[in-house]
Amino acid sequence: MDNESNKIPVTVKILNQNYDVFCASNEKDALMKSAELLNDKMMKTKAEGKTIGLDRIAVISALNFASDSLNHKDMTNTLNSSVKQKISNLNQKLDLLIQN
């Protein structure tokens, strides 16, 4: 089936404005949570009072999300590297134990 036919209309509210978007029915909950998170981030940016205009608030919020995403990616990579190193160390110890 065509992907477009599987899409459902969903209305999200961001900064007191409604936006109609389409998504797969199994993605609706994730979309609603994402919209809520974006709304919260944009409301916080707006409340700080340093940014004026919806487009600027959206850009600043997007930059904050991008920064958070990159930081999360860096932390995940560091954690993965650490876990791989520990597994390698454990494998070496097991190899030594098996040889003796």
Foldseek 3Di string as FASTA:
>chain_A
DDPVVQWDWDWAAAPNDIDIDIDHPVCVVVVNVVSVVLNVQLVVLVVVVPDDDPVRSNVVSVVVVVVVVVVVVVVVVVVVVVVVVVVVVVVVVVVVVVVD
